[in-house]
Amino acid sequence: VHTNVFPSRQCGPSPGLNLSLTASTTTGLVLSIDCGMDPDRERGNQTPEDLGRRAAALLLEEVRRGGCIDSSAQSTLLMLMCLGPEDVARI
């Protein structure tokens, strides 16, 4: 577990909490998600436990989809593949 805490003057305006979760499959694939506090909700109405539940649900959705690339990285990866030679990039 890695934590990083800065006073608000050093980090600027932020919703307060962010969470990254990863899951490794038995075939060696790594799926990940990043989840932050909902900026549309007031700070007092959302707890760290709510953030953890939402992050876990998002990670389980990535696992359920069964892909080899998590959905947040697909557009970047496909763009990089288009820029390279055909015989190098394959999914």
PDB file of N, CA and C in Angstrom:
ATOM      1  N   VAL A   1       0.849  -1.166   0.000  1.00  0.00           N
ATOM      2  CA  VAL A   1       0.000   0.000   0.000  1.00  0.00           C
ATOM      3  C   VAL A   1       0.891   1.224   0.000  1.00  0.00           C
ATOM      4  N   HIS A   2       0.629   2.133  -0.904  1.00  0.00           N
ATOM      5  CA  HIS A   2       1.397   3.373  -0.995  1.00  0.00           C
ATOM      6  C   HIS A   2       0.474   4.541  -0.684  1.00  0.00           C
ATOM      7  N   THR A   3       0.890   5.404   0.210  1.00  0.00           N
ATOM      8  CA  THR A   3       0.113   6.598   0.512  1.00  0.00           C
ATOM      9  C   THR A   3       0.982   7.812   0.263  1.00  0.00           C
ATOM     10  N   ASN A   4       0.342   8.901  -0.132  1.00  0.00           N
ATOM     11  CA  ASN A   4       1.045  10.133  -0.421  1.00  0.00           C
ATOM     12  C   ASN A   4       0.184  11.283   0.078  1.00  0.00           C
ATOM     13  N   VAL A   5       0.675  12.031   1.038  1.00  0.00           N
ATOM     14  CA  VAL A   5      -0.120  13.085   1.652  1.00  0.00           C
ATOM     15  C   VAL A   5       0.646  14.401   1.574  1.00  0.00           C
ATOM     16  N   PHE A   6      -0.021  15.430   1.070  1.00  0.00           N
ATOM     17  CA  PHE A   6       0.557  16.766   1.004  1.00  0.00           C
ATOM     18  C   PHE A   6      -0.435  17.757   1.585  1.00  0.00           C
ATOM     19  N   PRO A   7       0.044  18.835   2.205  1.00  0.00           N
ATOM     20  CA  PRO A   7      -0.869  19.902   2.627  1.00  0.00           C
ATOM     21  C   PRO A   7      -1.563  20.501   1.406  1.00  0.00           C
ATOM     22  N   SER A   8      -2.768  21.021   1.584  1.00  0.00           N
ATOM     23  CA  SER A   8      -3.564  21.491   0.451  1.00  0.00           C
ATOM     24  C   SER A   8      -2.886  22.627  -0.314  1.00  0.00           C
ATOM     25  N   ARG A   9      -2.032  23.407   0.305  1.00  0.00           N
ATOM     26  CA  ARG A   9      -1.340  24.482  -0.409  1.00  0.00           C
ATOM     27  C   ARG A   9      -0.387  23.925  -1.454  1.00  0.00           C
ATOM     28  N   GLN A  10       0.181  22.732  -1.224  1.00  0.00           N
ATOM     29  CA  GLN A  10       1.149  22.154  -2.153  1.00  0.00           C
ATOM     30  C   GLN A  10       0.500  21.360  -3.274  1.00  0.00           C
ATOM     31  N   CYS A  11      -0.691  20.851  -3.062  1.00  0.00           N
ATOM     32  CA  CYS A  11      -1.282  19.973  -4.070  1.00  0.00           C
ATOM     33  C   CYS A  11      -2.393  20.639  -4.863  1.00  0.00           C
ATOM     34  N   GLY A  12      -2.832  21.814  -4.501  1.00  0.00           N
ATOM     35  CA  GLY A  12      -3.877  22.496  -5.254  1.00  0.00           C
ATOM     36  C   GLY A  12      -5.247  21.936  -4.942  1.00  0.00           C
ATOM     37  N   PRO A  13      -6.259  22.442  -5.624  1.00  0.00           N
ATOM     38  CA  PRO A  13      -7.619  21.966  -5.365  1.00  0.00           C
ATOM     39  C   PRO A  13      -7.796  20.530  -5.867  1.00  0.00           C
ATOM     40  N   SER A  14      -8.299  19.676  -5.026  1.00  0.00           N
ATOM     41  CA  SER A  14      -8.547  18.286  -5.409  1.00  0.00           C
ATOM     42  C   SER A  14      -9.726  17.772  -4.603  1.00  0.00           C
ATOM     43  N   PRO A  15     -10.363  16.708  -5.099  1.00  0.00           N
ATOM     44  CA  PRO A  15     -11.485  16.151  -4.358  1.00  0.00           C
ATOM     45  C   PRO A  15     -11.058  15.445  -3.082  1.00  0.00           C
ATOM     46  N   GLY A  16      -9.767  15.211  -2.886  1.00  0.00           N
ATOM     47  CA  GLY A  16      -9.308  14.681  -1.619  1.00  0.00           C
ATOM     48  C   GLY A  16      -8.752  13.288  -1.652  1.00  0.00           C
ATOM     49  N   LEU A  17      -9.391  12.367  -2.328  1.00  0.00           N
ATOM     50  CA  LEU A  17      -8.921  10.980  -2.326  1.00  0.00           C
ATOM     51  C   LEU A  17      -8.918  10.419  -3.736  1.00  0.00           C
ATOM     52  N   ASN A  18      -7.958   9.538  -3.981  1.00  0.00           N
ATOM     53  CA  ASN A  18      -7.874   8.821  -5.243  1.00  0.00           C
ATOM     54  C   ASN A  18      -7.393   7.418  -4.932  1.00  0.00           C
ATOM     55  N   LEU A  19      -7.836   6.451  -5.710  1.00  0.00           N
ATOM     56  CA  LEU A  19      -7.507   5.059  -5.440  1.00  0.00           C
ATOM     57  C   LEU A  19      -7.165   4.368  -6.753  1.00  0.00           C
ATOM     58  N   SER A  20      -6.085   3.615  -6.763  1.00  0.00           N
ATOM     59  CA  SER A  20      -5.704   2.797  -7.911  1.00  0.00           C
ATOM     60  C   SER A  20      -5.716   1.344  -7.472  1.00  0.00           C
ATOM     61  N   LEU A  21      -6.386   0.505  -8.246  1.00  0.00           N
ATOM     62  CA  LEU A  21      -6.435  -0.928  -7.964  1.00  0.00           C
ATOM     63  C   LEU A  21      -5.956  -1.700  -9.180  1.00  0.00           C
ATOM     64  N   THR A  22      -5.245  -2.790  -8.946  1.00  0.00           N
ATOM     65  CA  THR A  22      -4.810  -3.654 -10.043  1.00  0.00           C
ATOM     66  C   THR A  22      -5.179  -5.093  -9.722  1.00  0.00           C
ATOM     67  N   ALA A  23      -5.368  -5.860 -10.774  1.00  0.00           N
ATOM     68  CA  ALA A  23      -5.635  -7.289 -10.635  1.00  0.00           C
ATOM     69  C   ALA A  23      -4.762  -8.022 -11.643  1.00  0.00           C
ATOM     70  N   SER A  24      -4.082  -9.062 -11.207  1.00  0.00           N
ATOM     71  CA  SER A  24      -3.250  -9.879 -12.084  1.00  0.00           C
ATOM     72  C   SER A  24      -3.965 -11.193 -12.354  1.00  0.00           C
ATOM     73  N   THR A  25      -3.986 -11.602 -13.612  1.00  0.00           N
ATOM     74  CA  THR A  25      -4.636 -12.861 -13.969  1.00  0.00           C
ATOM     75  C   THR A  25      -3.621 -13.993 -13.900  1.00  0.00           C
ATOM     76  N   THR A  26      -4.100 -15.210 -13.999  1.00  0.00           N
ATOM     77  CA  THR A  26      -3.210 -16.372 -13.968  1.00  0.00           C
ATOM     78  C   THR A  26      -2.367 -16.465 -15.233  1.00  0.00           C
ATOM     79  N   THR A  27      -2.768 -15.752 -16.296  1.00  0.00           N
ATOM     80  CA  THR A  27      -1.993 -15.751 -17.542  1.00  0.00           C
ATOM     81  C   THR A  27      -1.012 -14.587 -17.619  1.00  0.00           C
ATOM     82  N   GLY A  28      -0.939 -13.769 -16.570  1.00  0.00           N
ATOM     83  CA  GLY A  28       0.029 -12.689 -16.521  1.00  0.00           C
ATOM     84  C   GLY A  28      -0.488 -11.327 -16.939  1.00  0.00           C
ATOM     85  N   LEU A  29      -1.751 -11.209 -17.291  1.00  0.00           N
ATOM     86  CA  LEU A  29      -2.310  -9.907 -17.636  1.00  0.00           C
ATOM     87  C   LEU A  29      -2.547  -9.090 -16.377  1.00  0.00           C
ATOM     88  N   VAL A  30      -2.390  -7.788 -16.486  1.00  0.00           N
ATOM     89  CA  VAL A  30      -2.636  -6.891 -15.359  1.00  0.00           C
ATOM     90  C   VAL A  30      -3.702  -5.884 -15.785  1.00  0.00           C
ATOM     91  N   LEU A  31      -4.815  -5.887 -15.084  1.00  0.00           N
ATOM     92  CA  LEU A  31      -5.890  -4.931 -15.318  1.00  0.00           C
ATOM     93  C   LEU A  31      -5.869  -3.924 -14.182  1.00  0.00           C
ATOM     94  N   SER A  32      -6.146  -2.663 -14.500  1.00  0.00           N
ATOM     95  CA  SER A  32      -6.093  -1.645 -13.460  1.00  0.00           C
ATOM     96  C   SER A  32      -7.213  -0.633 -13.646  1.00  0.00           C
ATOM     97  N   ILE A  33      -7.527   0.058 -12.572  1.00  0.00           N
ATOM     98  CA  ILE A  33      -8.487   1.163 -12.606  1.00  0.00           C
ATOM     99  C   ILE A  33      -7.972   2.265 -11.686  1.00  0.00           C
ATOM    100  N   ASP A  34      -8.381   3.475 -11.993  1.00  0.00           N
ATOM    101  CA  ASP A  34      -8.137   4.628 -11.126  1.00  0.00           C
ATOM    102  C   ASP A  34      -9.492   5.227 -10.809  1.00  0.00           C
ATOM    103  N   CYS A  35      -9.702   5.549  -9.563  1.00  0.00           N
ATOM    104  CA  CYS A  35     -10.997   6.054  -9.132  1.00  0.00           C
ATOM    105  C   CYS A  35     -10.759   7.180  -8.128  1.00  0.00           C
ATOM    106  N   GLY A  36     -11.459   8.280  -8.309  1.00  0.00           N
ATOM    107  CA  GLY A  36     -11.324   9.410  -7.397  1.00  0.00           C
ATOM    108  C   GLY A  36     -12.667   9.771  -6.800  1.00  0.00           C
ATOM    109  N   MET A  37     -12.620  10.620  -5.795  1.00  0.00           N
ATOM    110  CA  MET A  37     -13.859  11.096  -5.191  1.00  0.00           C
ATOM    111  C   MET A  37     -14.678  11.818  -6.257  1.00  0.00           C
ATOM    112  N   ASP A  38     -15.965  11.673  -6.214  1.00  0.00           N
ATOM    113  CA  ASP A  38     -16.867  12.302  -7.171  1.00  0.00           C
ATOM    114  C   ASP A  38     -16.896  13.808  -6.908  1.00  0.00           C
ATOM    115  N   PRO A  39     -16.403  14.643  -7.841  1.00  0.00           N
ATOM    116  CA  PRO A  39     -16.355  16.085  -7.588  1.00  0.00           C
ATOM    117  C   PRO A  39     -17.741  16.737  -7.558  1.00  0.00           C
ATOM    118  N   ASP A  40     -18.755  16.045  -8.073  1.00  0.00           N
ATOM    119  CA  ASP A  40     -20.107  16.602  -8.065  1.00  0.00           C
ATOM    120  C   ASP A  40     -20.799  16.448  -6.715  1.00  0.00           C
ATOM    121  N   ARG A  41     -20.262  15.602  -5.855  1.00  0.00           N
ATOM    122  CA  ARG A  41     -20.846  15.406  -4.527  1.00  0.00           C
ATOM    123  C   ARG A  41     -20.074  16.207  -3.506  1.00  0.00           C
ATOM    124  N   GLU A  42     -20.733  16.626  -2.483  1.00  0.00           N
ATOM    125  CA  GLU A  42     -20.057  17.352  -1.415  1.00  0.00           C
ATOM    126  C   GLU A  42     -19.130  16.410  -0.661  1.00  0.00           C
ATOM    127  N   ARG A  43     -18.061  16.966  -0.109  1.00  0.00           N
ATOM    128  CA  ARG A  43     -17.074  16.142   0.592  1.00  0.00           C
ATOM    129  C   ARG A  43     -17.669  15.342   1.735  1.00  0.00           C
ATOM    130  N   GLY A  44     -18.552  15.909   2.487  1.00  0.00           N
ATOM    131  CA  GLY A  44     -19.102  15.210   3.640  1.00  0.00           C
ATOM    132  C   GLY A  44     -20.059  14.087   3.278  1.00  0.00           C
ATOM    133  N   ASN A  45     -20.523  14.063   2.036  1.00  0.00           N
ATOM    134  CA  ASN A  45     -21.499  13.055   1.628  1.00  0.00           C
ATOM    135  C   ASN A  45     -20.871  11.798   1.058  1.00  0.00           C
ATOM    136  N   GLN A  46     -19.557  11.778   0.921  1.00  0.00           N
ATOM    137  CA  GLN A  46     -18.886  10.617   0.355  1.00  0.00           C
ATOM    138  C   GLN A  46     -17.751  10.193   1.281  1.00  0.00           C
ATOM    139  N   THR A  47     -17.743   8.943   1.645  1.00  0.00           N
ATOM    140  CA  THR A  47     -16.723   8.435   2.561  1.00  0.00           C
ATOM    141  C   THR A  47     -15.651   7.670   1.786  1.00  0.00           C
ATOM    142  N   PRO A  48     -14.490   7.450   2.387  1.00  0.00           N
ATOM    143  CA  PRO A  48     -13.473   6.615   1.740  1.00  0.00           C
ATOM    144  C   PRO A  48     -13.984   5.210   1.441  1.00  0.00           C
ATOM    145  N   GLU A  49     -14.881   4.702   2.271  1.00  0.00           N
ATOM    146  CA  GLU A  49     -15.457   3.383   2.028  1.00  0.00           C
ATOM    147  C   GLU A  49     -16.278   3.384   0.745  1.00  0.00           C
ATOM    148  N   ASP A  50     -17.007   4.484   0.480  1.00  0.00           N
ATOM    149  CA  ASP A  50     -17.762   4.602  -0.773  1.00  0.00           C
ATOM    150  C   ASP A  50     -16.820   4.562  -1.972  1.00  0.00           C
ATOM    151  N   LEU A  51     -15.698   5.257  -1.865  1.00  0.00           N
ATOM    152  CA  LEU A  51     -14.706   5.258  -2.929  1.00  0.00           C
ATOM    153  C   LEU A  51     -14.155   3.853  -3.147  1.00  0.00           C
ATOM    154  N   GLY A  52     -13.868   3.138  -2.075  1.00  0.00           N
ATOM    155  CA  GLY A  52     -13.366   1.771  -2.179  1.00  0.00           C
ATOM    156  C   GLY A  52     -14.362   0.832  -2.833  1.00  0.00           C
ATOM    157  N   ARG A  53     -15.632   0.960  -2.480  1.00  0.00           N
ATOM    158  CA  ARG A  53     -16.671   0.121  -3.098  1.00  0.00           C
ATOM    159  C   ARG A  53     -16.791   0.403  -4.591  1.00  0.00           C
ATOM    160  N   ARG A  54     -16.771   1.703  -4.941  1.00  0.00           N
ATOM    161  CA  ARG A  54     -16.889   2.068  -6.360  1.00  0.00           C
ATOM    162  C   ARG A  54     -15.675   1.570  -7.148  1.00  0.00           C
ATOM    163  N   ALA A  55     -14.474   1.704  -6.583  1.00  0.00           N
ATOM    164  CA  ALA A  55     -13.265   1.232  -7.255  1.00  0.00           C
ATOM    165  C   ALA A  55     -13.289  -0.285  -7.425  1.00  0.00           C
ATOM    166  N   ALA A  56     -13.709  -0.998  -6.398  1.00  0.00           N
ATOM    167  CA  ALA A  56     -13.790  -2.464  -6.488  1.00  0.00           C
ATOM    168  C   ALA A  56     -14.803  -2.881  -7.552  1.00  0.00           C
ATOM    169  N   ALA A  57     -15.931  -2.187  -7.627  1.00  0.00           N
ATOM    170  CA  ALA A  57     -16.946  -2.501  -8.642  1.00  0.00           C
ATOM    171  C   ALA A  57     -16.398  -2.243 -10.046  1.00  0.00           C
ATOM    172  N   LEU A  58     -15.640  -1.160 -10.228  1.00  0.00           N
ATOM    173  CA  LEU A  58     -15.050  -0.875 -11.540  1.00  0.00           C
ATOM    174  C   LEU A  58     -14.016  -1.927 -11.934  1.00  0.00           C
ATOM    175  N   LEU A  59     -13.206  -2.363 -10.965  1.00  0.00           N
ATOM    176  CA  LEU A  59     -12.213  -3.394 -11.265  1.00  0.00           C
ATOM    177  C   LEU A  59     -12.887  -4.718 -11.598  1.00  0.00           C
ATOM    178  N   LEU A  60     -13.929  -5.070 -10.874  1.00  0.00           N
ATOM    179  CA  LEU A  60     -14.659  -6.305 -11.183  1.00  0.00           C
ATOM    180  C   LEU A  60     -15.302  -6.238 -12.564  1.00  0.00           C
ATOM    181  N   GLU A  61     -15.753  -5.054 -12.972  1.00  0.00           N
ATOM    182  CA  GLU A  61     -16.305  -4.884 -14.317  1.00  0.00           C
ATOM    183  C   GLU A  61     -15.237  -5.115 -15.381  1.00  0.00           C
ATOM    184  N   GLU A  62     -14.016  -4.621 -15.144  1.00  0.00           N
ATOM    185  CA  GLU A  62     -12.913  -4.872 -16.075  1.00  0.00           C
ATOM    186  C   GLU A  62     -12.619  -6.369 -16.173  1.00  0.00           C
ATOM    187  N   VAL A  63     -12.622  -7.059 -15.047  1.00  0.00           N
ATOM    188  CA  VAL A  63     -12.375  -8.502 -15.034  1.00  0.00           C
ATOM    189  C   VAL A  63     -13.501  -9.231 -15.762  1.00  0.00           C
ATOM    190  N   ARG A  64     -14.751  -8.801 -15.542  1.00  0.00           N
ATOM    191  CA  ARG A  64     -15.904  -9.444 -16.183  1.00  0.00           C
ATOM    192  C   ARG A  64     -15.840  -9.323 -17.701  1.00  0.00           C
ATOM    193  N   ARG A  65     -15.345  -8.198 -18.208  1.00  0.00           N
ATOM    194  CA  ARG A  65     -15.253  -7.995 -19.653  1.00  0.00           C
ATOM    195  C   ARG A  65     -14.281  -8.965 -20.300  1.00  0.00           C
ATOM    196  N   GLY A  66     -13.295  -9.409 -19.545  1.00  0.00           N
ATOM    197  CA  GLY A  66     -12.393 -10.448 -20.032  1.00  0.00           C
ATOM    198  C   GLY A  66     -11.397 -10.002 -21.089  1.00  0.00           C
ATOM    199  N   GLY A  67     -11.157  -8.731 -21.234  1.00  0.00           N
ATOM    200  CA  GLY A  67     -10.210  -8.255 -22.236  1.00  0.00           C
ATOM    201  C   GLY A  67      -8.770  -8.396 -21.790  1.00  0.00           C
ATOM    202  N   CYS A  68      -7.876  -8.060 -22.711  1.00  0.00           N
ATOM    203  CA  CYS A  68      -6.456  -8.110 -22.367  1.00  0.00           C
ATOM    204  C   CYS A  68      -5.902  -6.725 -22.084  1.00  0.00           C
ATOM    205  N   ILE A  69      -6.718  -5.674 -22.290  1.00  0.00           N
ATOM    206  CA  ILE A  69      -6.310  -4.299 -22.024  1.00  0.00           C
ATOM    207  C   ILE A  69      -7.443  -3.628 -21.265  1.00  0.00           C
ATOM    208  N   ASP A  70      -7.121  -2.946 -20.162  1.00  0.00           N
ATOM    209  CA  ASP A  70      -8.198  -2.278 -19.437  1.00  0.00           C
ATOM    210  C   ASP A  70      -8.752  -1.132 -20.282  1.00  0.00           C
ATOM    211  N   SER A  71     -10.021  -0.846 -20.118  1.00  0.00           N
ATOM    212  CA  SER A  71     -10.726   0.076 -21.003  1.00  0.00           C
ATOM    213  C   SER A  71     -10.157   1.487 -20.974  1.00  0.00           C
ATOM    214  N   SER A  72      -9.536   1.905 -19.885  1.00  0.00           N
ATOM    215  CA  SER A  72      -8.977   3.257 -19.838  1.00  0.00           C
ATOM    216  C   SER A  72      -7.729   3.393 -20.704  1.00  0.00           C
ATOM    217  N   ALA A  73      -7.049   2.303 -21.018  1.00  0.00           N
ATOM    218  CA  ALA A  73      -5.817   2.359 -21.807  1.00  0.00           C
ATOM    219  C   ALA A  73      -6.026   1.997 -23.273  1.00  0.00           C
ATOM    220  N   GLN A  74      -7.205   1.541 -23.648  1.00  0.00           N
ATOM    221  CA  GLN A  74      -7.423   1.062 -25.012  1.00  0.00           C
ATOM    222  C   GLN A  74      -7.183   2.139 -26.063  1.00  0.00           C
ATOM    223  N   SER A  75      -7.729   3.325 -25.877  1.00  0.00           N
ATOM    224  CA  SER A  75      -7.585   4.355 -26.909  1.00  0.00           C
ATOM    225  C   SER A  75      -6.128   4.768 -27.098  1.00  0.00           C
ATOM    226  N   THR A  76      -5.382   4.890 -26.012  1.00  0.00           N
ATOM    227  CA  THR A  76      -3.971   5.256 -26.114  1.00  0.00           C
ATOM    228  C   THR A  76      -3.174   4.168 -26.815  1.00  0.00           C
ATOM    229  N   LEU A  77      -3.413   2.927 -26.438  1.00  0.00           N
ATOM    230  CA  LEU A  77      -2.680   1.814 -27.032  1.00  0.00           C
ATOM    231  C   LEU A  77      -2.973   1.693 -28.520  1.00  0.00           C
ATOM    232  N   LEU A  78      -4.225   1.809 -28.919  1.00  0.00           N
ATOM    233  CA  LEU A  78      -4.567   1.706 -30.335  1.00  0.00           C
ATOM    234  C   LEU A  78      -3.956   2.848 -31.140  1.00  0.00           C
ATOM    235  N   MET A  79      -3.907   4.048 -30.575  1.00  0.00           N
ATOM    236  CA  MET A  79      -3.271   5.174 -31.268  1.00  0.00           C
ATOM    237  C   MET A  79      -1.778   4.921 -31.462  1.00  0.00           C
ATOM    238  N   LEU A  80      -1.109   4.415 -30.440  1.00  0.00           N
ATOM    239  CA  LEU A  80       0.314   4.110 -30.561  1.00  0.00           C
ATOM    240  C   LEU A  80       0.559   2.991 -31.568  1.00  0.00           C
ATOM    241  N   MET A  81      -0.352   2.020 -31.628  1.00  0.00           N
ATOM    242  CA  MET A  81      -0.217   0.946 -32.603  1.00  0.00           C
ATOM    243  C   MET A  81      -0.357   1.472 -34.027  1.00  0.00           C
ATOM    244  N   CYS A  82      -1.226   2.436 -34.230  1.00  0.00           N
ATOM    245  CA  CYS A  82      -1.408   3.022 -35.567  1.00  0.00           C
ATOM    246  C   CYS A  82      -0.162   3.768 -36.031  1.00  0.00           C
ATOM    247  N   LEU A  83       0.585   4.318 -35.107  1.00  0.00           N
ATOM    248  CA  LEU A  83       1.770   5.089 -35.448  1.00  0.00           C
ATOM    249  C   LEU A  83       2.981   4.213 -35.769  1.00  0.00           C
ATOM    250  N   GLY A  84       2.958   2.974 -35.334  1.00  0.00           N
ATOM    251  CA  GLY A  84       4.113   2.078 -35.537  1.00  0.00           C
ATOM    252  C   GLY A  84       3.935   1.181 -36.745  1.00  0.00           C
ATOM    253  N   PRO A  85       4.986   0.432 -37.090  1.00  0.00           N
ATOM    254  CA  PRO A  85       4.904  -0.509 -38.208  1.00  0.00           C
ATOM    255  C   PRO A  85       3.926  -1.646 -37.909  1.00  0.00           C
ATOM    256  N   GLU A  86       3.321  -2.182 -38.953  1.00  0.00           N
ATOM    257  CA  GLU A  86       2.284  -3.225 -38.787  1.00  0.00           C
ATOM    258  C   GLU A  86       2.820  -4.501 -38.148  1.00  0.00           C
ATOM    259  N   ASP A  87       4.049  -4.869 -38.454  1.00  0.00           N
ATOM    260  CA  ASP A  87       4.561  -6.144 -37.962  1.00  0.00           C
ATOM    261  C   ASP A  87       5.016  -6.087 -36.504  1.00  0.00           C
ATOM    262  N   VAL A  88       4.996  -4.915 -35.881  1.00  0.00           N
ATOM    263  CA  VAL A  88       5.460  -4.776 -34.500  1.00  0.00           C
ATOM    264  C   VAL A  88       4.313  -4.833 -33.511  1.00  0.00           C
ATOM    265  N   ALA A  89       3.201  -4.161 -33.809  1.00  0.00           N
ATOM    266  CA  ALA A  89       2.113  -4.025 -32.857  1.00  0.00           C
ATOM    267  C   ALA A  89       0.971  -4.997 -33.150  1.00  0.00           C
ATOM    268  N   ARG A  90       0.644  -5.794 -32.144  1.00  0.00           N
ATOM    269  CA  ARG A  90      -0.485  -6.720 -32.233  1.00  0.00           C
ATOM    270  C   ARG A  90      -1.110  -6.877 -30.868  1.00  0.00           C
ATOM    271  N   ILE A  91      -2.426  -7.054 -30.855  1.00  0.00           N
ATOM    272  CA  ILE A  91      -3.113  -7.353 -29.607  1.00  0.00           C
ATOM    273  C   ILE A  91      -3.589  -8.782 -29.691  1.00  0.00           C
TER     274      ILE A  91
END
